Amino acid sequence: MCQVLEKPLFYEVIEKEKFDLVIVDIFINYCVLGIIPMLKAPSIFVTTMSAPSSLSTVFGNRLPPSFVPNTLFKYTDRMSFSERFINTVFDSLLAFMTGPLFLTKSENLYKQYLPNGNLLPGIDEIHDNSSMLFMNSHFTLNYPRPLLPDVIEVGGMHTRPPKKLPKDLDDFLSNSGKDGFIFFSLGSIVKAKNMPENYRKVFLNVFSGHPNVRLFMTHGGLLSTQESVYHGVPVLGLPLFGMKSYAQAERGGYAKMVEILDITEEKLESAILELLKTQCNYAQKAKELSKLVKDLPQTPLEKAVYWAEYVLRHKGAPHLRSAARDLIFPTHMW
């Protein structure tokens, strides 16, 4: 993302256009923050996952490490003493490391490339003036945590009621038999053509033996988790890229995980058979969660739109900002 600072077209756009609101994907994307004061508009930060404490603390919303596990760990919200200790230490180290590793270097980058960069405010000041944080999380799927009014959960914005499929696809799926079909997707990043031949044979051999199973097999991305729960479908997860969302999904009783690097025909078949033998339990749990994520006064998308417009109506909504923004670690504790 930092490469955009080297593109002449980028500067042409921001010079010609007038912006009412700036929405920035903030996760490891600090180098573009210098653009915000140039646009002279309120800003909303967005994180594509549940925000770690190092990010929410920018808004004065430090998350208690005693019951909010870091997203890199497989801990639950009911940690043992040793887990709480590790979680607290790691959380604190991450907060200290974020500054020199990302913030300082990112600030130097935008001050180097942006016009009059030496006159632009630092990242800390830009953070302080940000109006709101949108998190791609939902308290049903991510463990409940205390949130300030300018930190908003909008997880599931991409989910929506199903639409009618094209006729050829609808006919194909309708003729799959009473036991349905399996939907297999590794997301937009993993390309099936790049899958090693030995892994491809594992899936082909197992599927050829079980043509009527009905599951959602996916790579373990957060969006896939949210979609499967929204539609009430049990899942067989193959986590990739350190994705931990399915650890919680498995504990939630609506998913089963298989480590992709250790996968064999026997392990994949065993996982599918386990889901098939107890499918009613997995499916029932998925349907229960589906009711919970839908039982809200607004859809996540409507919620995001409302609060974005709220920021515009109230000129950045400074009245929502907690005084905790002005406290530095660890003075927020006393």
C-alpha atoms as a PDB file:
ATOM      1  CA  MET A   1       0.000   0.000   0.000  1.00  0.00           C
ATOM      2  CA  CYS A   2       2.898   2.379   0.685  1.00  0.00           C
ATOM      3  CA  GLN A   3       3.763   2.196  -3.034  1.00  0.00           C
ATOM      4  CA  VAL A   4       0.831   4.483  -3.783  1.00  0.00           C
ATOM      5  CA  LEU A   5       2.930   7.348  -2.414  1.00  0.00           C
ATOM      6  CA  GLU A   6       5.158   7.015  -5.493  1.00  0.00           C
ATOM      7  CA  LYS A   7       2.293   7.192  -8.044  1.00  0.00           C
ATOM      8  CA  PRO A   8       1.793  10.613  -9.776  1.00  0.00           C
ATOM      9  CA  LEU A   9      -1.829   9.724 -10.580  1.00  0.00           C
ATOM     10  CA  PHE A  10      -2.563   9.434  -6.873  1.00  0.00           C
ATOM     11  CA  TYR A  11      -1.574  13.053  -6.284  1.00  0.00           C
ATOM     12  CA  GLU A  12      -3.612  14.219  -9.272  1.00  0.00           C
ATOM     13  CA  VAL A  13      -6.716  12.647  -7.766  1.00  0.00           C
ATOM     14  CA  ILE A  14      -6.333  14.078  -4.268  1.00  0.00           C
ATOM     15  CA  GLU A  15      -5.615  17.556  -5.670  1.00  0.00           C
ATOM     16  CA  LYS A  16      -8.662  17.628  -7.958  1.00  0.00           C
ATOM     17  CA  GLU A  17     -11.280  15.966  -5.749  1.00  0.00           C
ATOM     18  CA  LYS A  18     -13.005  17.191  -2.602  1.00  0.00           C
ATOM     19  CA  PHE A  19     -13.507  14.594   0.120  1.00  0.00           C
ATOM     20  CA  ASP A  20     -16.164  14.652   2.852  1.00  0.00           C
ATOM     21  CA  LEU A  21     -14.887  11.607   4.760  1.00  0.00           C
ATOM     22  CA  VAL A  22     -11.729   9.496   4.669  1.00  0.00           C
ATOM     23  CA  ILE A  23     -12.013   5.770   5.448  1.00  0.00           C
ATOM     24  CA  VAL A  24      -8.646   4.019   5.843  1.00  0.00           C
ATOM     25  CA  ASP A  25      -7.798   0.335   6.260  1.00  0.00           C
ATOM     26  CA  ILE A  26      -5.403   0.833   9.159  1.00  0.00           C
ATOM     27  CA  PHE A  27      -3.913  -2.620   9.624  1.00  0.00           C
ATOM     28  CA  ILE A  28      -0.137  -2.279   8.914  1.00  0.00           C
ATOM     29  CA  ASN A  29      -1.031   0.605   6.617  1.00  0.00           C
ATOM     30  CA  TYR A  30       0.219   3.586   8.608  1.00  0.00           C
ATOM     31  CA  CYS A  31       2.260   5.084   5.765  1.00  0.00           C
ATOM     32  CA  VAL A  32      -0.881   6.500   4.109  1.00  0.00           C
ATOM     33  CA  LEU A  33      -2.059   8.333   7.232  1.00  0.00           C
ATOM     34  CA  GLY A  34      -0.186  11.459   6.187  1.00  0.00           C
ATOM     35  CA  ILE A  35      -2.742  11.892   3.420  1.00  0.00           C
ATOM     36  CA  ILE A  36      -5.582  12.488   5.899  1.00  0.00           C
ATOM     37  CA  PRO A  37      -4.622  16.040   6.992  1.00  0.00           C
ATOM     38  CA  MET A  38      -4.078  16.936   3.326  1.00  0.00           C
ATOM     39  CA  LEU A  39      -7.699  16.056   2.536  1.00  0.00           C
ATOM     40  CA  LYS A  40      -9.089  18.205   5.369  1.00  0.00           C
ATOM     41  CA  ALA A  41     -11.877  15.743   6.182  1.00  0.00           C
ATOM     42  CA  PRO A  42     -12.871  13.583   9.181  1.00  0.00           C
ATOM     43  CA  SER A  43     -11.426  10.075   9.162  1.00  0.00           C
ATOM     44  CA  ILE A  44     -12.604   6.604  10.140  1.00  0.00           C
ATOM     45  CA  PHE A  45     -10.156   3.758  10.590  1.00  0.00           C
ATOM     46  CA  VAL A  46     -11.181   0.248   9.506  1.00  0.00           C
ATOM     47  CA  THR A  47      -9.587  -3.025  10.559  1.00  0.00           C
ATOM     48  CA  THR A  48     -10.348  -6.205   8.641  1.00  0.00           C
ATOM     49  CA  MET A  49     -10.365  -8.275  11.816  1.00  0.00           C
ATOM     50  CA  SER A  50     -11.102  -7.766  15.487  1.00  0.00           C
ATOM     51  CA  ALA A  51      -8.773  -4.894  16.417  1.00  0.00           C
ATOM     52  CA  PRO A  52      -5.822  -5.838  18.618  1.00  0.00           C
ATOM     53  CA  SER A  53      -5.375  -3.812  21.783  1.00  0.00           C
ATOM     54  CA  SER A  54      -2.399  -1.978  20.250  1.00  0.00           C
ATOM     55  CA  LEU A  55      -4.797  -0.466  17.706  1.00  0.00           C
ATOM     56  CA  SER A  56      -7.911   0.084  19.823  1.00  0.00           C
ATOM     57  CA  THR A  57      -5.743   1.793  22.463  1.00  0.00           C
ATOM     58  CA  VAL A  58      -5.296   4.634  19.965  1.00  0.00           C
ATOM     59  CA  PHE A  59      -8.950   5.394  20.693  1.00  0.00           C
ATOM     60  CA  GLY A  60      -8.439   5.029  24.448  1.00  0.00           C
ATOM     61  CA  ASN A  61      -9.981   1.570  24.324  1.00  0.00           C
ATOM     62  CA  ARG A  62      -7.290  -0.704  25.751  1.00  0.00           C
ATOM     63  CA  LEU A  63      -8.628  -4.252  25.868  1.00  0.00           C
ATOM     64  CA  PRO A  64      -8.164  -6.182  29.138  1.00  0.00           C
ATOM     65  CA  PRO A  65      -5.660  -8.976  28.422  1.00  0.00           C
ATOM     66  CA  SER A  66      -7.155 -10.960  31.306  1.00  0.00           C
ATOM     67  CA  PHE A  67     -10.137 -12.018  29.161  1.00  0.00           C
ATOM     68  CA  VAL A  68      -9.532 -10.686  25.620  1.00  0.00           C
ATOM     69  CA  PRO A  69      -7.042 -13.046  23.923  1.00  0.00           C
ATOM     70  CA  ASN A  70      -4.699 -11.727  21.275  1.00  0.00           C
ATOM     71  CA  THR A  71      -5.806 -12.720  17.776  1.00  0.00           C
ATOM     72  CA  LEU A  72      -2.506 -14.556  17.229  1.00  0.00           C
ATOM     73  CA  PHE A  73      -3.255 -17.005  20.036  1.00  0.00           C
ATOM     74  CA  LYS A  74      -5.765 -19.831  20.208  1.00  0.00           C
ATOM     75  CA  TYR A  75      -6.741 -18.861  23.742  1.00  0.00           C
ATOM     76  CA  THR A  76     -10.365 -18.487  24.776  1.00  0.00           C
ATOM     77  CA  ASP A  77     -11.787 -15.682  26.906  1.00  0.00           C
ATOM     78  CA  ARG A  78     -11.453 -18.015  29.903  1.00  0.00           C
ATOM     79  CA  MET A  79      -7.682 -18.307  30.135  1.00  0.00           C
ATOM     80  CA  SER A  80      -5.636 -20.057  32.791  1.00  0.00           C
ATOM     81  CA  PHE A  81      -3.246 -17.995  34.912  1.00  0.00           C
ATOM     82  CA  SER A  82      -0.277 -18.880  32.682  1.00  0.00           C
ATOM     83  CA  GLU A  83      -2.250 -18.021  29.544  1.00  0.00           C
ATOM     84  CA  ARG A  84      -3.323 -14.674  31.003  1.00  0.00           C
ATOM     85  CA  PHE A  85       0.310 -13.954  31.905  1.00  0.00           C
ATOM     86  CA  ILE A  86       1.556 -14.800  28.402  1.00  0.00           C
ATOM     87  CA  ASN A  87      -1.279 -12.851  26.820  1.00  0.00           C
ATOM     88  CA  THR A  88      -0.542  -9.786  28.986  1.00  0.00           C
ATOM     89  CA  VAL A  89       3.199  -9.854  28.306  1.00  0.00           C
ATOM     90  CA  PHE A  90       2.710 -10.320  24.571  1.00  0.00           C
ATOM     91  CA  ASP A  91       0.061  -7.584  24.488  1.00  0.00           C
ATOM     92  CA  SER A  92       2.425  -5.167  26.248  1.00  0.00           C
ATOM     93  CA  LEU A  93       5.367  -6.070  24.011  1.00  0.00           C
ATOM     94  CA  LEU A  94       3.251  -5.568  20.919  1.00  0.00           C
ATOM     95  CA  ALA A  95       2.231  -2.110  22.137  1.00  0.00           C
ATOM     96  CA  PHE A  96       5.876  -1.107  22.664  1.00  0.00           C
ATOM     97  CA  MET A  97       7.083  -2.635  19.377  1.00  0.00           C
ATOM     98  CA  THR A  98       4.414  -1.049  17.193  1.00  0.00           C
ATOM     99  CA  GLY A  99       6.023   2.381  17.588  1.00  0.00           C
ATOM    100  CA  PRO A 100       9.575   1.763  16.357  1.00  0.00           C
ATOM    101  CA  LEU A 101       8.681  -1.031  13.918  1.00  0.00           C
ATOM    102  CA  PHE A 102       5.743   0.534  12.100  1.00  0.00           C
ATOM    103  CA  LEU A 103       4.800   4.019  13.230  1.00  0.00           C
ATOM    104  CA  THR A 104       8.185   5.736  13.094  1.00  0.00           C
ATOM    105  CA  LYS A 105       9.144   4.188   9.742  1.00  0.00           C
ATOM    106  CA  SER A 106       5.709   4.891   8.269  1.00  0.00           C
ATOM    107  CA  GLU A 107       5.822   8.514   9.414  1.00  0.00           C
ATOM    108  CA  ASN A 108       9.246   8.940   7.826  1.00  0.00           C
ATOM    109  CA  LEU A 109       7.895   7.495   4.568  1.00  0.00           C
ATOM    110  CA  TYR A 110       4.956   9.852   4.148  1.00  0.00           C
ATOM    111  CA  LYS A 111       7.013  12.857   5.220  1.00  0.00           C
ATOM    112  CA  GLN A 112       9.543  11.895   2.537  1.00  0.00           C
ATOM    113  CA  TYR A 113       7.078  11.423  -0.327  1.00  0.00           C
ATOM    114  CA  LEU A 114       4.088  13.679   0.355  1.00  0.00           C
ATOM    115  CA  PRO A 115       4.192  17.359  -0.696  1.00  0.00           C
ATOM    116  CA  ASN A 116       5.455  19.548   2.167  1.00  0.00           C
ATOM    117  CA  GLY A 117       5.804  16.346   4.137  1.00  0.00           C
ATOM    118  CA  ASN A 118       7.998  17.958   6.777  1.00  0.00           C
ATOM    119  CA  LEU A 119       5.043  20.185   7.684  1.00  0.00           C
ATOM    120  CA  LEU A 120       2.587  17.329   8.118  1.00  0.00           C
ATOM    121  CA  PRO A 121       1.590  16.225  11.648  1.00  0.00           C
ATOM    122  CA  GLY A 122       2.987  13.016  13.118  1.00  0.00           C
ATOM    123  CA  ILE A 123       1.058   9.771  13.296  1.00  0.00           C
ATOM    124  CA  ASP A 124       0.201  10.272  16.970  1.00  0.00           C
ATOM    125  CA  GLU A 125      -1.583  13.534  16.179  1.00  0.00           C
ATOM    126  CA  ILE A 126      -3.392  11.987  13.214  1.00  0.00           C
ATOM    127  CA  HIS A 127      -4.473   9.136  15.483  1.00  0.00           C
ATOM    128  CA  ASP A 128      -5.795  11.619  18.050  1.00  0.00           C
ATOM    129  CA  ASN A 129      -7.918  13.359  15.420  1.00  0.00           C
ATOM    130  CA  SER A 130      -9.443  10.196  13.970  1.00  0.00           C
ATOM    131  CA  SER A 131     -13.188  10.068  14.572  1.00  0.00           C
ATOM    132  CA  MET A 132     -13.969   6.371  14.787  1.00  0.00           C
ATOM    133  CA  LEU A 133     -12.758   2.777  14.436  1.00  0.00           C
ATOM    134  CA  PHE A 134     -14.766   0.159  12.533  1.00  0.00           C
ATOM    135  CA  MET A 135     -13.857  -3.444  13.444  1.00  0.00           C
ATOM    136  CA  ASN A 136     -14.700  -6.477  11.327  1.00  0.00           C
ATOM    137  CA  SER A 137     -15.900  -8.437  14.338  1.00  0.00           C
ATOM    138  CA  HIS A 138     -19.153  -9.531  15.958  1.00  0.00           C
ATOM    139  CA  PHE A 139     -19.647 -10.270  19.642  1.00  0.00           C
ATOM    140  CA  THR A 140     -21.272 -13.597  18.773  1.00  0.00           C
ATOM    141  CA  LEU A 141     -18.225 -14.871  16.881  1.00  0.00           C
ATOM    142  CA  ASN A 142     -15.506 -12.927  18.693  1.00  0.00           C
ATOM    143  CA  TYR A 143     -15.425 -13.004  22.463  1.00  0.00           C
ATOM    144  CA  PRO A 144     -17.353 -10.069  24.025  1.00  0.00           C
ATOM    145  CA  ARG A 145     -15.176  -7.121  25.053  1.00  0.00           C
ATOM    146  CA  PRO A 146     -15.767  -3.625  26.467  1.00  0.00           C
ATOM    147  CA  LEU A 147     -15.910  -1.015  23.697  1.00  0.00           C
ATOM    148  CA  LEU A 148     -16.078   2.785  23.784  1.00  0.00           C
ATOM    149  CA  PRO A 149     -18.751   4.559  21.704  1.00  0.00           C
ATOM    150  CA  ASP A 150     -16.271   5.456  18.934  1.00  0.00           C
ATOM    151  CA  VAL A 151     -15.206   1.810  18.441  1.00  0.00           C
ATOM    152  CA  ILE A 152     -17.877   0.064  16.382  1.00  0.00           C
ATOM    153  CA  GLU A 153     -18.269  -3.626  15.479  1.00  0.00           C
ATOM    154  CA  VAL A 154     -19.395  -4.020  11.864  1.00  0.00           C
ATOM    155  CA  GLY A 155     -18.456  -7.668  11.274  1.00  0.00           C
ATOM    156  CA  GLY A 156     -20.526  -9.303   8.532  1.00  0.00           C
ATOM    157  CA  MET A 157     -21.036  -6.249   6.309  1.00  0.00           C
ATOM    158  CA  HIS A 158     -20.602  -8.482   3.276  1.00  0.00           C
ATOM    159  CA  THR A 159     -23.279 -10.998   4.319  1.00  0.00           C
ATOM    160  CA  ARG A 160     -26.771 -10.760   2.872  1.00  0.00           C
ATOM    161  CA  PRO A 161     -29.781 -12.983   2.102  1.00  0.00           C
ATOM    162  CA  PRO A 162     -29.147 -15.349  -0.840  1.00  0.00           C
ATOM    163  CA  LYS A 163     -30.281 -14.364  -4.320  1.00  0.00           C
ATOM    164  CA  LYS A 164     -31.601 -16.579  -7.085  1.00  0.00           C
ATOM    165  CA  LEU A 165     -28.749 -18.366  -8.874  1.00  0.00           C
ATOM    166  CA  PRO A 166     -28.355 -18.394 -12.668  1.00  0.00           C
ATOM    167  CA  LYS A 167     -30.527 -21.126 -14.151  1.00  0.00           C
ATOM    168  CA  ASP A 168     -27.662 -23.440 -15.136  1.00  0.00           C
ATOM    169  CA  LEU A 169     -26.171 -23.368 -11.637  1.00  0.00           C
ATOM    170  CA  ASP A 170     -29.570 -23.638  -9.983  1.00  0.00           C
ATOM    171  CA  ASP A 171     -30.455 -26.686 -12.086  1.00  0.00           C
ATOM    172  CA  PHE A 172     -27.079 -28.308 -11.392  1.00  0.00           C
ATOM    173  CA  LEU A 173     -27.369 -27.885  -7.620  1.00  0.00           C
ATOM    174  CA  SER A 174     -31.067 -28.772  -7.508  1.00  0.00           C
ATOM    175  CA  ASN A 175     -30.268 -32.069  -9.201  1.00  0.00           C
ATOM    176  CA  SER A 176     -27.528 -32.967  -6.731  1.00  0.00           C
ATOM    177  CA  GLY A 177     -29.884 -35.194  -4.780  1.00  0.00           C
ATOM    178  CA  LYS A 178     -31.575 -34.978  -1.405  1.00  0.00           C
ATOM    179  CA  ASP A 179     -28.239 -35.058   0.432  1.00  0.00           C
ATOM    180  CA  GLY A 180     -27.049 -31.874  -1.258  1.00  0.00           C
ATOM    181  CA  PHE A 181     -23.491 -31.004  -2.227  1.00  0.00           C
ATOM    182  CA  ILE A 182     -20.191 -29.733  -0.877  1.00  0.00           C
ATOM    183  CA  PHE A 183     -18.932 -26.199  -1.446  1.00  0.00           C
ATOM    184  CA  PHE A 184     -15.133 -26.017  -1.497  1.00  0.00           C
ATOM    185  CA  SER A 185     -13.318 -22.678  -1.579  1.00  0.00           C
ATOM    186  CA  LEU A 186      -9.837 -21.558  -0.537  1.00  0.00           C
ATOM    187  CA  GLY A 187     -10.641 -17.864  -0.835  1.00  0.00           C
ATOM    188  CA  SER A 188      -9.314 -15.298  -3.288  1.00  0.00           C
ATOM    189  CA  ILE A 189      -5.629 -15.609  -2.395  1.00  0.00           C
ATOM    190  CA  VAL A 190      -5.067 -19.345  -2.815  1.00  0.00           C
ATOM    191  CA  LYS A 191      -5.198 -20.503  -6.439  1.00  0.00           C
ATOM    192  CA  ALA A 192      -6.191 -24.132  -6.976  1.00  0.00           C
ATOM    193  CA  LYS A 193      -3.834 -24.355  -9.969  1.00  0.00           C
ATOM    194  CA  ASN A 194      -0.916 -23.722  -7.619  1.00  0.00           C
ATOM    195  CA  MET A 195      -1.849 -26.523  -5.248  1.00  0.00           C
ATOM    196  CA  PRO A 196       0.806 -29.259  -5.142  1.00  0.00           C
ATOM    197  CA  GLU A 197      -0.256 -32.393  -6.956  1.00  0.00           C
ATOM    198  CA  ASN A 198      -0.105 -34.579  -3.833  1.00  0.00           C
ATOM    199  CA  TYR A 199      -2.577 -32.280  -2.040  1.00  0.00           C
ATOM    200  CA  ARG A 200      -4.873 -32.133  -5.075  1.00  0.00           C
ATOM    201  CA  LYS A 201      -5.009 -35.933  -5.216  1.00  0.00           C
ATOM    202  CA  VAL A 202      -6.006 -36.066  -1.535  1.00  0.00           C
ATOM    203  CA  PHE A 203      -9.106 -33.958  -2.213  1.00  0.00           C
ATOM    204  CA  LEU A 204     -10.008 -35.671  -5.493  1.00  0.00           C
ATOM    205  CA  ASN A 205      -9.708 -39.160  -4.025  1.00  0.00           C
ATOM    206  CA  VAL A 206     -11.757 -38.342  -0.925  1.00  0.00           C
ATOM    207  CA  PHE A 207     -14.468 -36.492  -2.823  1.00  0.00           C
ATOM    208  CA  SER A 208     -14.780 -39.284  -5.339  1.00  0.00           C
ATOM    209  CA  GLY A 209     -15.686 -41.569  -2.469  1.00  0.00           C
ATOM    210  CA  HIS A 210     -18.214 -39.207  -0.869  1.00  0.00           C
ATOM    211  CA  PRO A 211     -20.198 -37.492  -3.644  1.00  0.00           C
ATOM    212  CA  ASN A 212     -23.197 -36.584  -1.511  1.00  0.00           C
ATOM    213  CA  VAL A 213     -21.674 -34.884   1.530  1.00  0.00           C
ATOM    214  CA  ARG A 214     -23.004 -31.421   2.370  1.00  0.00           C
ATOM    215  CA  LEU A 215     -20.399 -29.140   3.974  1.00  0.00           C
ATOM    216  CA  PHE A 216     -18.624 -25.874   3.454  1.00  0.00           C
ATOM    217  CA  MET A 217     -14.899 -26.511   3.142  1.00  0.00           C
ATOM    218  CA  THR A 218     -12.848 -23.341   3.330  1.00  0.00           C
ATOM    219  CA  HIS A 219      -9.389 -21.929   4.018  1.00  0.00           C
ATOM    220  CA  GLY A 220     -10.333 -20.435   7.382  1.00  0.00           C
ATOM    221  CA  GLY A 221     -10.607 -16.743   6.533  1.00  0.00           C
ATOM    222  CA  LEU A 222     -12.653 -14.465   8.786  1.00  0.00           C
ATOM    223  CA  LEU A 223     -15.071 -13.529   5.999  1.00  0.00           C
ATOM    224  CA  SER A 224     -15.694 -17.207   5.276  1.00  0.00           C
ATOM    225  CA  THR A 225     -16.444 -17.794   8.954  1.00  0.00           C
ATOM    226  CA  GLN A 226     -18.919 -14.939   9.036  1.00  0.00           C
ATOM    227  CA  GLU A 227     -20.618 -16.094   5.839  1.00  0.00           C
ATOM    228  CA  SER A 228     -20.988 -19.690   7.009  1.00  0.00           C
ATOM    229  CA  VAL A 229     -22.479 -18.623  10.345  1.00  0.00           C
ATOM    230  CA  TYR A 230     -24.807 -16.111   8.703  1.00  0.00           C
ATOM    231  CA  HIS A 231     -26.230 -18.852   6.479  1.00  0.00           C
ATOM    232  CA  GLY A 232     -26.225 -21.477   9.242  1.00  0.00           C
ATOM    233  CA  VAL A 233     -23.885 -23.914   7.496  1.00  0.00           C
ATOM    234  CA  PRO A 234     -21.422 -26.212   9.344  1.00  0.00           C
ATOM    235  CA  VAL A 235     -17.824 -25.961   8.216  1.00  0.00           C
ATOM    236  CA  LEU A 236     -14.744 -28.052   7.593  1.00  0.00           C
ATOM    237  CA  GLY A 237     -11.858 -25.585   7.926  1.00  0.00           C
ATOM    238  CA  LEU A 238      -8.388 -25.852   6.386  1.00  0.00           C
ATOM    239  CA  PRO A 239      -6.665 -22.846   8.018  1.00  0.00           C
ATOM    240  CA  LEU A 240      -4.020 -21.061   5.951  1.00  0.00           C
ATOM    241  CA  PHE A 241      -1.676 -18.119   6.559  1.00  0.00           C
ATOM    242  CA  GLY A 242      -1.865 -18.378  10.351  1.00  0.00           C
ATOM    243  CA  MET A 243      -5.644 -17.855  10.367  1.00  0.00           C
ATOM    244  CA  LYS A 244      -6.974 -18.562  13.839  1.00  0.00           C
ATOM    245  CA  SER A 245     -10.674 -17.815  13.308  1.00  0.00           C
ATOM    246  CA  TYR A 246     -11.467 -21.513  13.025  1.00  0.00           C
ATOM    247  CA  ALA A 247      -9.947 -22.361  16.385  1.00  0.00           C
ATOM    248  CA  GLN A 248     -12.820 -20.445  17.944  1.00  0.00           C
ATOM    249  CA  ALA A 249     -15.248 -21.835  15.350  1.00  0.00           C
ATOM    250  CA  GLU A 250     -14.272 -25.384  16.305  1.00  0.00           C
ATOM    251  CA  ARG A 251     -14.771 -24.621  19.991  1.00  0.00           C
ATOM    252  CA  GLY A 252     -18.116 -23.094  19.074  1.00  0.00           C
ATOM    253  CA  GLY A 253     -19.308 -26.479  17.849  1.00  0.00           C
ATOM    254  CA  TYR A 254     -20.100 -25.588  14.232  1.00  0.00           C
ATOM    255  CA  ALA A 255     -16.736 -26.378  12.604  1.00  0.00           C
ATOM    256  CA  LYS A 256     -14.007 -28.984  12.372  1.00  0.00           C
ATOM    257  CA  MET A 257     -10.395 -28.142  11.554  1.00  0.00           C
ATOM    258  CA  VAL A 258      -7.801 -30.108   9.585  1.00  0.00           C
ATOM    259  CA  GLU A 259      -4.240 -28.783   9.333  1.00  0.00           C
ATOM    260  CA  ILE A 260      -3.539 -28.361   5.630  1.00  0.00           C
ATOM    261  CA  LEU A 261       0.170 -29.202   5.901  1.00  0.00           C
ATOM    262  CA  ASP A 262      -0.569 -32.503   7.631  1.00  0.00           C
ATOM    263  CA  ILE A 263      -3.509 -33.487   5.462  1.00  0.00           C
ATOM    264  CA  THR A 264      -3.845 -37.029   4.168  1.00  0.00           C
ATOM    265  CA  GLU A 265      -6.718 -38.923   2.598  1.00  0.00           C
ATOM    266  CA  GLU A 266      -7.321 -40.679   5.908  1.00  0.00           C
ATOM    267  CA  LYS A 267      -7.410 -37.459   7.958  1.00  0.00           C
ATOM    268  CA  LEU A 268      -9.662 -35.636   5.491  1.00  0.00           C
ATOM    269  CA  GLU A 269     -12.035 -38.585   5.180  1.00  0.00           C
ATOM    270  CA  SER A 270     -12.134 -38.999   8.958  1.00  0.00           C
ATOM    271  CA  ALA A 271     -13.019 -35.317   9.459  1.00  0.00           C
ATOM    272  CA  ILE A 272     -15.773 -35.484   6.842  1.00  0.00           C
ATOM    273  CA  LEU A 273     -17.200 -38.675   8.332  1.00  0.00           C
ATOM    274  CA  GLU A 274     -17.168 -37.128  11.807  1.00  0.00           C
ATOM    275  CA  LEU A 275     -19.160 -34.181  10.526  1.00  0.00           C
ATOM    276  CA  LEU A 276     -21.519 -36.485   8.662  1.00  0.00           C
ATOM    277  CA  LYS A 277     -22.152 -38.759  11.635  1.00  0.00           C
ATOM    278  CA  THR A 278     -22.927 -35.832  13.914  1.00  0.00           C
ATOM    279  CA  GLN A 279     -24.024 -33.383  11.245  1.00  0.00           C
ATOM    280  CA  CYS A 280     -27.255 -32.606  13.017  1.00  0.00           C
ATOM    281  CA  ASN A 281     -25.264 -31.279  15.993  1.00  0.00           C
ATOM    282  CA  TYR A 282     -22.906 -29.177  13.872  1.00  0.00           C
ATOM    283  CA  ALA A 283     -25.742 -27.936  11.677  1.00  0.00           C
ATOM    284  CA  GLN A 284     -27.941 -27.169  14.676  1.00  0.00           C
ATOM    285  CA  LYS A 285     -25.209 -25.116  16.314  1.00  0.00           C
ATOM    286  CA  ALA A 286     -24.592 -23.218  13.069  1.00  0.00           C
ATOM    287  CA  LYS A 287     -28.311 -22.464  12.773  1.00  0.00           C
ATOM    288  CA  GLU A 288     -28.448 -21.245  16.387  1.00  0.00           C
ATOM    289  CA  LEU A 289     -25.551 -18.866  15.770  1.00  0.00           C
ATOM    290  CA  SER A 290     -27.151 -17.717  12.530  1.00  0.00           C
ATOM    291  CA  LYS A 291     -30.200 -16.577  14.473  1.00  0.00           C
ATOM    292  CA  LEU A 292     -27.973 -14.660  16.909  1.00  0.00           C
ATOM    293  CA  VAL A 293     -25.947 -12.799  14.292  1.00  0.00           C
ATOM    294  CA  LYS A 294     -29.148 -11.768  12.507  1.00  0.00           C
ATOM    295  CA  ASP A 295     -30.994 -10.699  15.667  1.00  0.00           C
ATOM    296  CA  LEU A 296     -29.826  -7.082  15.572  1.00  0.00           C
ATOM    297  CA  PRO A 297     -31.651  -3.731  15.191  1.00  0.00           C
ATOM    298  CA  GLN A 298     -29.523  -2.993  12.084  1.00  0.00           C
ATOM    299  CA  THR A 299     -27.557  -5.061   9.626  1.00  0.00           C
ATOM    300  CA  PRO A 300     -23.784  -4.565   9.958  1.00  0.00           C
ATOM    301  CA  LEU A 301     -23.791  -2.583   6.696  1.00  0.00           C
ATOM    302  CA  GLU A 302     -26.619  -0.332   7.882  1.00  0.00           C
ATOM    303  CA  LYS A 303     -24.745   0.158  11.145  1.00  0.00           C
ATOM    304  CA  ALA A 304     -21.551   1.188   9.334  1.00  0.00           C
ATOM    305  CA  VAL A 305     -23.449   3.603   7.093  1.00  0.00           C
ATOM    306  CA  TYR A 306     -25.264   5.140  10.072  1.00  0.00           C
ATOM    307  CA  TRP A 307     -22.078   5.827  12.025  1.00  0.00           C
ATOM    308  CA  ALA A 308     -20.217   7.115   8.966  1.00  0.00           C
ATOM    309  CA  GLU A 309     -23.034   9.594   8.382  1.00  0.00           C
ATOM    310  CA  TYR A 310     -23.086  10.374  12.105  1.00  0.00           C
ATOM    311  CA  VAL A 311     -19.432  11.441  11.892  1.00  0.00           C
ATOM    312  CA  LEU A 312     -20.295  13.696   8.948  1.00  0.00           C
ATOM    313  CA  ARG A 313     -23.366  15.203  10.637  1.00  0.00           C
ATOM    314  CA  HIS A 314     -21.448  16.052  13.796  1.00  0.00           C
ATOM    315  CA  LYS A 315     -18.236  17.350  12.220  1.00  0.00           C
ATOM    316  CA  GLY A 316     -16.025  14.456  13.245  1.00  0.00           C
ATOM    317  CA  ALA A 317     -18.019  13.622  16.423  1.00  0.00           C
ATOM    318  CA  PRO A 318     -15.342  14.797  18.893  1.00  0.00           C
ATOM    319  CA  HIS A 319     -17.827  14.359  21.763  1.00  0.00           C
ATOM    320  CA  LEU A 320     -17.436  10.559  21.454  1.00  0.00           C
ATOM    321  CA  ARG A 321     -13.711  10.617  22.195  1.00  0.00           C
ATOM    322  CA  SER A 322     -12.629   9.311  25.570  1.00  0.00           C
ATOM    323  CA  ALA A 323     -10.049  11.139  27.702  1.00  0.00           C
ATOM    324  CA  ALA A 324      -8.202   7.811  27.728  1.00  0.00           C
ATOM    325  CA  ARG A 325      -6.807   8.805  24.334  1.00  0.00           C
ATOM    326  CA  ASP A 326      -4.504  11.214  26.154  1.00  0.00           C
ATOM    327  CA  LEU A 327      -3.096   8.549  28.471  1.00  0.00           C
ATOM    328  CA  ILE A 328      -0.027   6.542  27.578  1.00  0.00           C
ATOM    329  CA  PHE A 329       0.718   2.959  28.551  1.00  0.00           C
ATOM    330  CA  PRO A 330       0.644   2.035  31.407  1.00  0.00           C
ATOM    331  CA  THR A 331      -0.867   5.181  32.988  1.00  0.00           C
ATOM    332  CA  HIS A 332      -4.339   4.118  31.804  1.00  0.00           C
ATOM    333  CA  MET A 333      -4.298   1.525  34.625  1.00  0.00           C
ATOM    334  CA  TRP A 334      -4.391   4.079  37.453  1.00  0.00           C
END
